[in-house]
Amino acid sequence: MREDILKAVAQPPKFLFAPFVPALVNLGIQFPVLFIAIGVANMNPLFFIFSILLSHAAITAYGIKEPHMSTMLQAYGQTRKVSKNLYSVKGNKFAP
């Protein structure tokens, strides 16, 4: 049991050698833009393939430096929630 937890922490999930969440966000943004540009403007898809590969290479290079980028983005999403404070103070308080 303990080895599974340590393995998950030491080896965060990857998608084609890049951190999982940023790589999927990259593909999730670029593929719809690719299909819209092909359908509306009749553009050459090679431009988008180079763009996808370049941005994925940049995410991979940054992911080598910071392998826990997916976890950091997920934690950032949790801290951006507005909390209801009992007393009026500046900033977010995470305890009631």
N, C-alpha and C. Protein backbone atom coordinates (compact mmCIF):
# COMPACT_ATOMS: atom_id res chain seq x y z
N MET A 1 0.83 -1.20 0.00
CA MET A 1 0.00 0.00 0.00
C MET A 1 0.87 1.25 0.00
N ARG A 2 1.85 1.27 0.85
CA ARG A 2 2.70 2.45 0.97
C ARG A 2 3.53 2.67 -0.31
N GLU A 3 3.93 1.60 -0.96
CA GLU A 3 4.72 1.72 -2.18
C GLU A 3 3.90 2.36 -3.30
N ASP A 4 2.61 2.06 -3.38
CA ASP A 4 1.76 2.66 -4.40
C ASP A 4 1.67 4.18 -4.23
N ILE A 5 1.56 4.63 -2.99
CA ILE A 5 1.47 6.06 -2.73
C ILE A 5 2.78 6.73 -3.10
N LEU A 6 3.89 6.14 -2.70
CA LEU A 6 5.19 6.74 -3.02
C LEU A 6 5.43 6.75 -4.53
N LYS A 7 5.00 5.70 -5.22
CA LYS A 7 5.19 5.64 -6.66
C LYS A 7 4.35 6.71 -7.36
N ALA A 8 3.14 6.94 -6.89
CA ALA A 8 2.27 7.97 -7.49
C ALA A 8 2.84 9.36 -7.27
N VAL A 9 3.45 9.58 -6.12
CA VAL A 9 4.03 10.88 -5.83
C VAL A 9 5.33 11.08 -6.60
N ALA A 10 6.15 10.04 -6.66
CA ALA A 10 7.45 10.15 -7.29
C ALA A 10 7.35 10.17 -8.82
N GLN A 11 6.34 9.51 -9.38
CA GLN A 11 6.19 9.44 -10.83
C GLN A 11 4.80 9.95 -11.23
N PRO A 12 4.66 11.26 -11.41
CA PRO A 12 3.35 11.79 -11.79
C PRO A 12 2.96 11.31 -13.19
N PRO A 13 1.66 11.29 -13.50
CA PRO A 13 1.22 10.79 -14.81
C PRO A 13 1.71 11.65 -15.95
N LYS A 14 2.03 10.98 -17.05
CA LYS A 14 2.54 11.66 -18.24
C LYS A 14 1.74 11.23 -19.45
N PHE A 15 1.71 12.10 -20.45
CA PHE A 15 1.07 11.81 -21.74
C PHE A 15 2.09 12.17 -22.81
N LEU A 16 2.65 11.17 -23.47
CA LEU A 16 3.70 11.35 -24.47
C LEU A 16 4.85 12.19 -23.91
N PHE A 17 5.34 11.80 -22.76
CA PHE A 17 6.50 12.38 -22.06
C PHE A 17 6.25 13.76 -21.47
N ALA A 18 5.07 14.30 -21.58
CA ALA A 18 4.74 15.61 -21.02
C ALA A 18 3.80 15.40 -19.82
N PRO A 19 3.75 16.36 -18.89
CA PRO A 19 2.78 16.26 -17.79
C PRO A 19 1.36 16.14 -18.34
N PHE A 20 0.54 15.33 -17.70
CA PHE A 20 -0.75 14.89 -18.22
C PHE A 20 -1.72 16.04 -18.50
N VAL A 21 -1.99 16.86 -17.50
CA VAL A 21 -3.02 17.90 -17.63
C VAL A 21 -2.63 18.96 -18.67
N PRO A 22 -1.42 19.53 -18.62
CA PRO A 22 -1.09 20.54 -19.64
C PRO A 22 -1.07 19.97 -21.06
N ALA A 23 -0.65 18.72 -21.22
CA ALA A 23 -0.63 18.11 -22.56
C ALA A 23 -2.05 17.93 -23.09
N LEU A 24 -2.97 17.49 -22.24
CA LEU A 24 -4.35 17.32 -22.70
C LEU A 24 -5.05 18.66 -22.95
N VAL A 25 -4.72 19.66 -22.15
CA VAL A 25 -5.28 21.00 -22.39
C VAL A 25 -4.78 21.54 -23.72
N ASN A 26 -3.49 21.33 -23.99
CA ASN A 26 -2.91 21.76 -25.26
C ASN A 26 -3.64 21.10 -26.43
N LEU A 27 -3.81 19.80 -26.38
CA LEU A 27 -4.50 19.10 -27.46
C LEU A 27 -5.98 19.48 -27.52
N GLY A 28 -6.58 19.68 -26.37
CA GLY A 28 -8.00 20.05 -26.32
C GLY A 28 -8.28 21.42 -26.89
N ILE A 29 -7.30 22.29 -26.88
CA ILE A 29 -7.47 23.62 -27.48
C ILE A 29 -7.09 23.59 -28.96
N GLN A 30 -5.99 22.93 -29.28
CA GLN A 30 -5.47 23.02 -30.65
C GLN A 30 -6.26 22.19 -31.66
N PHE A 31 -6.80 21.04 -31.27
CA PHE A 31 -7.55 20.24 -32.24
C PHE A 31 -8.85 20.90 -32.69
N PRO A 32 -9.66 21.46 -31.80
CA PRO A 32 -10.84 22.17 -32.31
C PRO A 32 -10.49 23.36 -33.20
N VAL A 33 -9.44 24.10 -32.83
CA VAL A 33 -9.02 25.22 -33.68
C VAL A 33 -8.56 24.71 -35.04
N LEU A 34 -7.87 23.57 -35.06
CA LEU A 34 -7.43 22.95 -36.31
C LEU A 34 -8.62 22.63 -37.20
N PHE A 35 -9.62 21.96 -36.66
CA PHE A 35 -10.77 21.56 -37.46
C PHE A 35 -11.61 22.76 -37.90
N ILE A 36 -11.73 23.77 -37.06
CA ILE A 36 -12.47 24.98 -37.43
C ILE A 36 -11.74 25.71 -38.55
N ALA A 37 -10.41 25.82 -38.43
CA ALA A 37 -9.63 26.52 -39.46
C ALA A 37 -9.67 25.77 -40.79
N ILE A 38 -9.66 24.45 -40.74
CA ILE A 38 -9.75 23.67 -41.97
C ILE A 38 -11.14 23.85 -42.60
N GLY A 39 -12.19 23.81 -41.78
CA GLY A 39 -13.54 23.91 -42.30
C GLY A 39 -13.91 25.30 -42.78
N VAL A 40 -13.52 26.33 -42.04
CA VAL A 40 -13.94 27.69 -42.37
C VAL A 40 -13.00 28.35 -43.38
N ALA A 41 -11.69 28.29 -43.10
CA ALA A 41 -10.73 29.03 -43.92
C ALA A 41 -9.99 28.15 -44.92
N ASN A 42 -10.27 26.85 -44.92
CA ASN A 42 -9.61 25.91 -45.82
C ASN A 42 -8.08 26.01 -45.70
N MET A 43 -7.58 26.06 -44.44
CA MET A 43 -6.15 26.20 -44.18
C MET A 43 -5.44 24.86 -44.29
N ASN A 44 -4.16 24.92 -44.47
CA ASN A 44 -3.33 23.74 -44.53
C ASN A 44 -3.13 23.19 -43.12
N PRO A 45 -3.42 21.91 -42.86
CA PRO A 45 -3.27 21.36 -41.51
C PRO A 45 -1.82 21.18 -41.08
N LEU A 46 -0.86 21.27 -41.99
CA LEU A 46 0.54 21.12 -41.59
C LEU A 46 0.99 22.22 -40.64
N PHE A 47 0.45 23.42 -40.80
CA PHE A 47 0.77 24.50 -39.87
C PHE A 47 0.39 24.11 -38.45
N PHE A 48 -0.78 23.53 -38.29
CA PHE A 48 -1.26 23.15 -36.97
C PHE A 48 -0.50 21.95 -36.41
N ILE A 49 -0.08 21.06 -37.28
CA ILE A 49 0.70 19.92 -36.79
C ILE A 49 2.03 20.40 -36.23
N PHE A 50 2.68 21.34 -36.93
CA PHE A 50 3.92 21.91 -36.41
C PHE A 50 3.66 22.67 -35.11
N SER A 51 2.54 23.37 -35.04
CA SER A 51 2.19 24.11 -33.83
C SER A 51 1.95 23.16 -32.65
N ILE A 52 1.25 22.06 -32.91
CA ILE A 52 0.98 21.08 -31.85
C ILE A 52 2.29 20.46 -31.38
N LEU A 53 3.15 20.08 -32.31
CA LEU A 53 4.42 19.46 -31.93
C LEU A 53 5.33 20.44 -31.19
N LEU A 54 5.37 21.69 -31.63
CA LEU A 54 6.20 22.68 -30.96
C LEU A 54 5.72 22.96 -29.54
N SER A 55 4.43 23.14 -29.38
CA SER A 55 3.91 23.43 -28.03
C SER A 55 4.05 22.20 -27.13
N HIS A 56 3.88 21.00 -27.69
CA HIS A 56 4.06 19.80 -26.88
C HIS A 56 5.53 19.64 -26.47
N ALA A 57 6.44 19.98 -27.38
CA ALA A 57 7.87 19.93 -27.03
C ALA A 57 8.20 20.93 -25.93
N ALA A 58 7.58 22.11 -25.97
CA ALA A 58 7.81 23.10 -24.92
C ALA A 58 7.25 22.62 -23.58
N ILE A 59 6.07 22.01 -23.60
CA ILE A 59 5.48 21.47 -22.37
C ILE A 59 6.35 20.34 -21.84
N THR A 60 6.87 19.50 -22.72
CA THR A 60 7.74 18.40 -22.30
C THR A 60 9.02 18.94 -21.68
N ALA A 61 9.61 19.96 -22.30
CA ALA A 61 10.84 20.54 -21.76
C ALA A 61 10.61 21.15 -20.39
N TYR A 62 9.49 21.84 -20.22
CA TYR A 62 9.18 22.41 -18.91
C TYR A 62 8.81 21.30 -17.91
N GLY A 63 8.20 20.23 -18.42
CA GLY A 63 7.83 19.11 -17.56
C GLY A 63 9.03 18.34 -17.03
N ILE A 64 10.13 18.36 -17.78
CA ILE A 64 11.35 17.73 -17.28
C ILE A 64 11.88 18.52 -16.09
N LYS A 65 11.79 19.84 -16.19
CA LYS A 65 12.24 20.70 -15.09
C LYS A 65 11.30 20.63 -13.90
N GLU A 66 10.00 20.59 -14.15
CA GLU A 66 8.98 20.58 -13.10
C GLU A 66 8.01 19.44 -13.36
N PRO A 67 8.31 18.20 -12.90
CA PRO A 67 7.47 17.05 -13.24
C PRO A 67 6.07 17.07 -12.60
N HIS A 68 5.88 17.84 -11.56
CA HIS A 68 4.58 17.86 -10.87
C HIS A 68 3.73 19.05 -11.31
N MET A 69 3.85 19.46 -12.57
CA MET A 69 3.10 20.60 -13.08
C MET A 69 1.60 20.33 -13.06
N SER A 70 1.17 19.12 -13.36
CA SER A 70 -0.26 18.78 -13.34
C SER A 70 -0.84 18.96 -11.95
N THR A 71 -0.12 18.47 -10.96
CA THR A 71 -0.59 18.59 -9.57
C THR A 71 -0.63 20.05 -9.14
N MET A 72 0.36 20.82 -9.57
CA MET A 72 0.38 22.23 -9.21
C MET A 72 -0.81 22.97 -9.83
N LEU A 73 -1.16 22.66 -11.07
CA LEU A 73 -2.31 23.30 -11.70
C LEU A 73 -3.61 22.90 -11.02
N GLN A 74 -3.73 21.65 -10.63
CA GLN A 74 -4.94 21.20 -9.93
C GLN A 74 -5.05 21.86 -8.56
N ALA A 75 -3.94 22.00 -7.85
CA ALA A 75 -3.95 22.66 -6.55
C ALA A 75 -4.28 24.14 -6.69
N TYR A 76 -3.77 24.77 -7.75
CA TYR A 76 -4.08 26.18 -7.99
C TYR A 76 -5.58 26.36 -8.23
N GLY A 77 -6.20 25.42 -8.93
CA GLY A 77 -7.64 25.49 -9.16
C GLY A 77 -8.42 25.38 -7.86
N GLN A 78 -7.92 24.62 -6.92
CA GLN A 78 -8.61 24.49 -5.62
C GLN A 78 -8.46 25.75 -4.79
N THR A 79 -7.34 26.44 -4.89
CA THR A 79 -7.13 27.62 -4.04
C THR A 79 -7.82 28.86 -4.59
N ARG A 80 -8.27 28.85 -5.84
CA ARG A 80 -8.93 30.00 -6.42
C ARG A 80 -10.41 30.09 -6.05
N LYS A 81 -10.92 29.13 -5.30
CA LYS A 81 -12.32 29.18 -4.90
C LYS A 81 -12.51 30.26 -3.83
N VAL A 82 -13.61 30.98 -3.93
CA VAL A 82 -13.92 32.01 -2.95
C VAL A 82 -14.56 31.34 -1.74
N SER A 83 -14.00 31.63 -0.59
CA SER A 83 -14.55 31.04 0.63
C SER A 83 -15.39 32.09 1.36
N LYS A 84 -16.33 31.60 2.16
CA LYS A 84 -17.16 32.50 2.97
C LYS A 84 -16.54 32.58 4.35
N ASN A 85 -16.04 33.75 4.69
CA ASN A 85 -15.42 33.95 5.99
C ASN A 85 -16.47 34.35 7.01
N LEU A 86 -16.27 33.92 8.23
CA LEU A 86 -17.19 34.31 9.29
C LEU A 86 -17.03 35.79 9.63
N TYR A 87 -15.81 36.27 9.57
CA TYR A 87 -15.52 37.66 9.86
C TYR A 87 -14.99 38.32 8.61
N SER A 88 -15.27 39.61 8.44
CA SER A 88 -14.81 40.28 7.22
C SER A 88 -13.33 40.58 7.34
N VAL A 89 -12.53 39.86 6.55
CA VAL A 89 -11.09 40.06 6.49
C VAL A 89 -10.67 40.01 5.03
N LYS A 90 -9.48 40.48 4.75
CA LYS A 90 -8.98 40.42 3.38
C LYS A 90 -8.45 39.03 3.09
N GLY A 91 -8.65 38.57 1.87
CA GLY A 91 -8.09 37.29 1.44
C GLY A 91 -8.98 36.11 1.77
N ASN A 92 -8.50 34.94 1.37
CA ASN A 92 -9.25 33.70 1.64
C ASN A 92 -8.75 33.06 2.91
N LYS A 93 -9.69 32.57 3.69
CA LYS A 93 -9.33 31.77 4.87
C LYS A 93 -9.85 30.38 4.59
N PHE A 94 -9.01 29.40 4.83
CA PHE A 94 -9.39 28.03 4.52
C PHE A 94 -9.99 27.31 5.74
N ALA A 95 -9.99 27.95 6.88
CA ALA A 95 -10.64 27.39 8.06
C ALA A 95 -11.88 28.22 8.36
N PRO A 96 -12.99 27.58 8.76
CA PRO A 96 -14.21 28.36 9.05
C PRO A 96 -14.09 29.22 10.28
